[in-house]
Amino acid sequence: MQSLLDQVGGSRIVNRTVSEFYQAIGRHLSSFESCDHKKQQSRQARFLNHALSAQPEPIHSARASFLAQGLDSPLFGALLEFIEARLIELGFTCQLSRRLVETAGDLYLSCEQDLSIAC
C-alpha cells in the first residue's frame, strides 16, 4: 500500500504546497517575521514529509517529536487548512486531503508540546 506521501505525489508536492502557503502569507509579514517563517517553513515541510511517509509507526518516532519542536501551533493549523483546500484544488479527493491533514495533525498533537522551543 502506498503511503499518503506517495498518494499526493511525493515530497515535491508537499514542499511546493508549504512554499505556496508561505508565499501567500508572506505579503503580510514584516522582514523580521519573514526570517522566522523561513525556519518554520523548512521545519513544517520536513515534519509533513515525515508524518506522511511510509514509516510503519511514525507516531512513536523520535524524529517526529524532534521536528515538532519549535513549530508554531496556530501557524501549523493554518498550514493544514491551506493544504487541505489546496490538494482539493489540485484534483485530489476530499477524503485523501482530509486523511492527510488528520494524519499530520494527529502526529503533531501526539508529540510532546511541553518541549517546544523557539525556532
N, C-alpha and C. Protein backbone atom coordinates (compact mmCIF):
# COMPACT_ATOMS: atom_id res chain seq x y z
N MET A 1 0.83 -1.18 0.00
CA MET A 1 0.00 0.00 0.00
C MET A 1 0.88 1.25 0.00
N GLN A 2 0.50 2.22 -0.81
CA GLN A 2 1.27 3.46 -0.90
C GLN A 2 1.07 4.33 0.35
N SER A 3 2.11 5.04 0.71
CA SER A 3 2.00 5.98 1.82
C SER A 3 1.17 7.19 1.36
N LEU A 4 0.71 7.96 2.30
CA LEU A 4 -0.01 9.19 1.96
C LEU A 4 0.89 10.13 1.15
N LEU A 5 2.17 10.14 1.48
CA LEU A 5 3.11 10.97 0.75
C LEU A 5 3.16 10.56 -0.71
N ASP A 6 3.22 9.27 -0.97
CA ASP A 6 3.22 8.78 -2.35
C ASP A 6 1.91 9.09 -3.06
N GLN A 7 0.81 9.00 -2.34
CA GLN A 7 -0.50 9.22 -2.95
C GLN A 7 -0.70 10.66 -3.41
N VAL A 8 -0.01 11.61 -2.78
CA VAL A 8 -0.15 13.01 -3.21
C VAL A 8 0.99 13.45 -4.14
N GLY A 9 1.82 12.53 -4.53
CA GLY A 9 2.88 12.87 -5.47
C GLY A 9 4.25 13.09 -4.87
N GLY A 10 4.42 12.71 -3.62
CA GLY A 10 5.74 12.77 -3.00
C GLY A 10 6.06 14.10 -2.34
N SER A 11 7.29 14.17 -1.88
CA SER A 11 7.72 15.36 -1.14
C SER A 11 7.72 16.61 -2.01
N ARG A 12 7.83 16.45 -3.29
CA ARG A 12 7.82 17.61 -4.19
C ARG A 12 6.52 18.40 -4.04
N ILE A 13 5.39 17.69 -4.00
CA ILE A 13 4.09 18.34 -3.85
C ILE A 13 3.96 18.96 -2.45
N VAL A 14 4.36 18.22 -1.44
CA VAL A 14 4.27 18.74 -0.08
C VAL A 14 5.12 19.99 0.07
N ASN A 15 6.36 19.94 -0.38
CA ASN A 15 7.26 21.09 -0.26
C ASN A 15 6.72 22.29 -1.05
N ARG A 16 6.21 22.04 -2.23
CA ARG A 16 5.66 23.13 -3.05
C ARG A 16 4.44 23.76 -2.38
N THR A 17 3.58 22.93 -1.80
CA THR A 17 2.37 23.45 -1.16
C THR A 17 2.72 24.26 0.09
N VAL A 18 3.68 23.79 0.86
CA VAL A 18 4.14 24.54 2.03
C VAL A 18 4.72 25.88 1.57
N SER A 19 5.50 25.86 0.51
CA SER A 19 6.07 27.09 -0.04
C SER A 19 4.98 28.05 -0.51
N GLU A 20 3.95 27.53 -1.16
CA GLU A 20 2.83 28.37 -1.61
C GLU A 20 2.14 29.04 -0.41
N PHE A 21 1.98 28.28 0.66
CA PHE A 21 1.37 28.83 1.87
C PHE A 21 2.18 30.02 2.37
N TYR A 22 3.49 29.86 2.45
CA TYR A 22 4.33 30.93 2.96
C TYR A 22 4.41 32.11 2.00
N GLN A 23 4.30 31.85 0.72
CA GLN A 23 4.25 32.96 -0.23
C GLN A 23 2.96 33.75 -0.04
N ALA A 24 1.86 33.04 0.22
CA ALA A 24 0.57 33.70 0.42
C ALA A 24 0.56 34.56 1.68
N ILE A 25 1.14 34.06 2.76
CA ILE A 25 1.13 34.85 3.99
C ILE A 25 2.29 35.84 4.04
N GLY A 26 3.30 35.63 3.23
CA GLY A 26 4.49 36.48 3.24
C GLY A 26 4.21 37.93 2.97
N ARG A 27 3.18 38.19 2.21
CA ARG A 27 2.82 39.58 1.90
C ARG A 27 2.39 40.35 3.14
N HIS A 28 2.05 39.63 4.19
CA HIS A 28 1.53 40.26 5.40
C HIS A 28 2.54 40.26 6.55
N LEU A 29 3.78 39.90 6.25
CA LEU A 29 4.79 39.77 7.31
C LEU A 29 5.83 40.87 7.22
N SER A 30 6.36 41.24 8.37
CA SER A 30 7.49 42.16 8.39
C SER A 30 8.75 41.37 8.02
N SER A 31 9.85 42.07 7.78
CA SER A 31 11.09 41.36 7.43
C SER A 31 11.57 40.51 8.59
N PHE A 32 11.35 40.95 9.83
CA PHE A 32 11.73 40.16 11.00
C PHE A 32 10.92 38.86 11.05
N GLU A 33 9.61 38.97 10.84
CA GLU A 33 8.75 37.79 10.85
C GLU A 33 9.10 36.85 9.71
N SER A 34 9.45 37.39 8.56
CA SER A 34 9.80 36.56 7.40
C SER A 34 10.98 35.66 7.70
N CYS A 35 11.96 36.18 8.43
CA CYS A 35 13.14 35.39 8.78
C CYS A 35 12.72 34.18 9.61
N ASP A 36 11.90 34.40 10.63
CA ASP A 36 11.42 33.30 11.46
C ASP A 36 10.58 32.33 10.66
N HIS A 37 9.82 32.84 9.72
CA HIS A 37 8.93 31.98 8.96
C HIS A 37 9.69 31.10 7.97
N LYS A 38 10.86 31.50 7.55
CA LYS A 38 11.68 30.64 6.69
C LYS A 38 12.08 29.38 7.46
N LYS A 39 12.39 29.55 8.73
CA LYS A 39 12.72 28.39 9.57
C LYS A 39 11.49 27.51 9.77
N GLN A 40 10.34 28.15 10.02
CA GLN A 40 9.10 27.41 10.20
C GLN A 40 8.75 26.64 8.92
N GLN A 41 8.91 27.28 7.79
CA GLN A 41 8.59 26.64 6.51
C GLN A 41 9.41 25.38 6.32
N SER A 42 10.69 25.47 6.56
CA SER A 42 11.56 24.31 6.41
C SER A 42 11.19 23.20 7.39
N ARG A 43 10.98 23.55 8.63
CA ARG A 43 10.66 22.56 9.66
C ARG A 43 9.29 21.93 9.40
N GLN A 44 8.32 22.74 8.99
CA GLN A 44 6.99 22.20 8.72
C GLN A 44 7.00 21.27 7.52
N ALA A 45 7.73 21.61 6.49
CA ALA A 45 7.83 20.73 5.32
C ALA A 45 8.47 19.40 5.71
N ARG A 46 9.51 19.44 6.51
CA ARG A 46 10.16 18.20 6.95
C ARG A 46 9.23 17.38 7.82
N PHE A 47 8.50 18.04 8.72
CA PHE A 47 7.56 17.32 9.58
C PHE A 47 6.47 16.65 8.75
N LEU A 48 5.89 17.37 7.81
CA LEU A 48 4.83 16.79 6.97
C LEU A 48 5.35 15.63 6.14
N ASN A 49 6.52 15.77 5.56
CA ASN A 49 7.09 14.67 4.78
C ASN A 49 7.29 13.44 5.65
N HIS A 50 7.73 13.66 6.86
CA HIS A 50 7.92 12.55 7.79
C HIS A 50 6.57 11.93 8.18
N ALA A 51 5.62 12.78 8.54
CA ALA A 51 4.32 12.30 9.00
C ALA A 51 3.58 11.49 7.94
N LEU A 52 3.79 11.82 6.69
CA LEU A 52 3.05 11.17 5.61
C LEU A 52 3.83 10.05 4.94
N SER A 53 5.04 9.81 5.42
CA SER A 53 5.89 8.79 4.81
C SER A 53 5.40 7.39 5.16
N ALA A 54 6.06 6.42 4.61
CA ALA A 54 5.67 5.02 4.77
C ALA A 54 6.24 4.38 6.03
N GLN A 55 6.77 5.17 6.93
CA GLN A 55 7.31 4.59 8.16
C GLN A 55 6.20 3.85 8.89
N PRO A 56 6.49 2.66 9.40
CA PRO A 56 5.44 1.85 10.00
C PRO A 56 4.73 2.48 11.18
N GLU A 57 5.45 3.17 12.06
CA GLU A 57 4.81 3.76 13.23
C GLU A 57 5.37 5.15 13.48
N PRO A 58 5.03 6.12 12.62
CA PRO A 58 5.62 7.44 12.80
C PRO A 58 5.23 8.11 14.11
N ILE A 59 4.11 7.71 14.72
CA ILE A 59 3.69 8.33 15.97
C ILE A 59 4.72 8.09 17.06
N HIS A 60 5.39 6.97 17.01
CA HIS A 60 6.37 6.64 18.03
C HIS A 60 7.78 7.08 17.65
N SER A 61 7.89 7.84 16.60
CA SER A 61 9.18 8.24 16.09
C SER A 61 9.77 9.41 16.88
N ALA A 62 11.02 9.26 17.28
CA ALA A 62 11.72 10.35 17.94
C ALA A 62 11.91 11.50 16.95
N ARG A 63 12.03 11.17 15.66
CA ARG A 63 12.19 12.22 14.65
C ARG A 63 10.96 13.12 14.59
N ALA A 64 9.77 12.54 14.70
CA ALA A 64 8.55 13.35 14.69
C ALA A 64 8.55 14.33 15.85
N SER A 65 8.91 13.85 17.03
CA SER A 65 8.96 14.74 18.19
C SER A 65 10.00 15.83 18.01
N PHE A 66 11.15 15.47 17.45
CA PHE A 66 12.19 16.46 17.20
C PHE A 66 11.69 17.52 16.22
N LEU A 67 11.07 17.09 15.13
CA LEU A 67 10.60 18.03 14.11
C LEU A 67 9.46 18.90 14.63
N ALA A 68 8.67 18.38 15.54
CA ALA A 68 7.55 19.15 16.09
C ALA A 68 8.02 20.25 17.04
N GLN A 69 9.21 20.09 17.59
CA GLN A 69 9.73 21.10 18.50
C GLN A 69 9.91 22.40 17.73
N GLY A 70 9.39 23.45 18.29
CA GLY A 70 9.57 24.76 17.67
C GLY A 70 8.53 25.12 16.65
N LEU A 71 7.65 24.20 16.29
CA LEU A 71 6.60 24.57 15.34
C LEU A 71 5.58 25.46 16.04
N ASP A 72 5.19 26.49 15.37
CA ASP A 72 4.18 27.41 15.88
C ASP A 72 2.81 26.78 15.66
N SER A 73 2.11 26.45 16.75
CA SER A 73 0.84 25.72 16.65
C SER A 73 -0.20 26.40 15.78
N PRO A 74 -0.50 27.69 16.00
CA PRO A 74 -1.52 28.32 15.14
C PRO A 74 -1.10 28.35 13.67
N LEU A 75 0.17 28.57 13.43
CA LEU A 75 0.66 28.60 12.05
C LEU A 75 0.58 27.22 11.42
N PHE A 76 0.89 26.18 12.19
CA PHE A 76 0.80 24.82 11.68
C PHE A 76 -0.66 24.47 11.36
N GLY A 77 -1.58 24.89 12.23
CA GLY A 77 -3.00 24.66 11.97
C GLY A 77 -3.46 25.36 10.71
N ALA A 78 -3.02 26.59 10.51
CA ALA A 78 -3.37 27.33 9.29
C ALA A 78 -2.78 26.64 8.06
N LEU A 79 -1.57 26.13 8.18
CA LEU A 79 -0.94 25.41 7.08
C LEU A 79 -1.76 24.17 6.71
N LEU A 80 -2.21 23.42 7.71
CA LEU A 80 -3.01 22.22 7.43
C LEU A 80 -4.31 22.59 6.72
N GLU A 81 -4.95 23.67 7.13
CA GLU A 81 -6.17 24.12 6.44
C GLU A 81 -5.87 24.48 5.00
N PHE A 82 -4.76 25.16 4.79
CA PHE A 82 -4.36 25.56 3.44
C PHE A 82 -4.10 24.32 2.58
N ILE A 83 -3.36 23.36 3.14
CA ILE A 83 -3.03 22.15 2.39
C ILE A 83 -4.29 21.38 2.02
N GLU A 84 -5.22 21.26 2.95
CA GLU A 84 -6.45 20.52 2.67
C GLU A 84 -7.19 21.13 1.47
N ALA A 85 -7.33 22.44 1.48
CA ALA A 85 -8.02 23.11 0.37
C ALA A 85 -7.20 23.05 -0.92
N ARG A 86 -5.90 23.22 -0.80
CA ARG A 86 -5.04 23.23 -2.00
C ARG A 86 -5.02 21.87 -2.69
N LEU A 87 -4.99 20.80 -1.94
CA LEU A 87 -4.99 19.46 -2.54
C LEU A 87 -6.30 19.22 -3.31
N ILE A 88 -7.39 19.70 -2.76
CA ILE A 88 -8.67 19.56 -3.46
C ILE A 88 -8.64 20.37 -4.76
N GLU A 89 -8.06 21.58 -4.71
CA GLU A 89 -7.90 22.39 -5.92
C GLU A 89 -7.06 21.66 -6.97
N LEU A 90 -6.08 20.91 -6.51
CA LEU A 90 -5.19 20.19 -7.43
C LEU A 90 -5.82 18.91 -7.97
N GLY A 91 -7.03 18.58 -7.51
CA GLY A 91 -7.74 17.43 -8.04
C GLY A 91 -7.72 16.18 -7.18
N PHE A 92 -7.15 16.28 -5.99
CA PHE A 92 -7.18 15.14 -5.09
C PHE A 92 -8.55 15.06 -4.43
N THR A 93 -8.94 13.87 -4.01
CA THR A 93 -10.25 13.70 -3.39
C THR A 93 -10.30 14.36 -2.02
N CYS A 94 -11.50 14.72 -1.61
CA CYS A 94 -11.70 15.29 -0.27
C CYS A 94 -11.26 14.30 0.80
N GLN A 95 -11.54 13.02 0.56
CA GLN A 95 -11.18 12.00 1.55
C GLN A 95 -9.66 11.92 1.73
N LEU A 96 -8.93 11.94 0.63
CA LEU A 96 -7.47 11.87 0.73
C LEU A 96 -6.93 13.12 1.41
N SER A 97 -7.42 14.26 1.00
CA SER A 97 -6.97 15.52 1.59
C SER A 97 -7.25 15.54 3.09
N ARG A 98 -8.43 15.15 3.49
CA ARG A 98 -8.82 15.13 4.90
C ARG A 98 -7.96 14.13 5.67
N ARG A 99 -7.72 12.96 5.09
CA ARG A 99 -6.91 11.93 5.75
C ARG A 99 -5.48 12.41 5.97
N LEU A 100 -4.95 13.09 4.98
CA LEU A 100 -3.60 13.62 5.09
C LEU A 100 -3.51 14.63 6.23
N VAL A 101 -4.47 15.54 6.29
CA VAL A 101 -4.48 16.56 7.33
C VAL A 101 -4.68 15.92 8.71
N GLU A 102 -5.57 14.97 8.80
CA GLU A 102 -5.80 14.29 10.09
C GLU A 102 -4.56 13.53 10.54
N THR A 103 -3.89 12.86 9.62
CA THR A 103 -2.68 12.10 9.96
C THR A 103 -1.60 13.03 10.49
N ALA A 104 -1.35 14.12 9.76
CA ALA A 104 -0.31 15.07 10.17
C ALA A 104 -0.71 15.75 11.48
N GLY A 105 -1.97 16.14 11.61
CA GLY A 105 -2.43 16.80 12.82
C GLY A 105 -2.36 15.90 14.04
N ASP A 106 -2.77 14.64 13.87
CA ASP A 106 -2.71 13.69 14.98
C ASP A 106 -1.27 13.45 15.43
N LEU A 107 -0.36 13.32 14.47
CA LEU A 107 1.04 13.12 14.83
C LEU A 107 1.57 14.34 15.57
N TYR A 108 1.24 15.51 15.08
CA TYR A 108 1.68 16.74 15.74
C TYR A 108 1.16 16.80 17.18
N LEU A 109 -0.11 16.49 17.37
CA LEU A 109 -0.70 16.55 18.70
C LEU A 109 -0.12 15.49 19.64
N SER A 110 0.34 14.37 19.08
CA SER A 110 0.90 13.31 19.92
C SER A 110 2.33 13.60 20.36
N CYS A 111 2.97 14.57 19.72
CA CYS A 111 4.33 14.94 20.11
C CYS A 111 4.27 15.78 21.38
N GLU A 112 5.31 15.73 22.14
CA GLU A 112 5.33 16.41 23.44
C GLU A 112 5.45 17.92 23.23
N GLN A 113 4.33 18.61 23.31
CA GLN A 113 4.30 20.05 23.13
C GLN A 113 5.02 20.81 24.23
N ASP A 114 5.15 20.20 25.40
CA ASP A 114 5.83 20.89 26.51
C ASP A 114 7.28 21.19 26.17
N LEU A 115 7.83 20.43 25.23
CA LEU A 115 9.23 20.61 24.89
C LEU A 115 9.45 21.57 23.74
N SER A 116 8.39 22.19 23.24
CA SER A 116 8.53 23.10 22.10
C SER A 116 9.53 24.20 22.43
N ILE A 117 10.33 24.50 21.44
CA ILE A 117 11.35 25.54 21.60
C ILE A 117 11.16 26.58 20.51
N ALA A 118 11.71 27.72 20.73
CA ALA A 118 11.68 28.74 19.68
C ALA A 118 12.60 28.29 18.57
N CYS A 119 12.21 28.52 17.37
CA CYS A 119 12.99 28.05 16.22
C CYS A 119 14.07 29.03 15.86
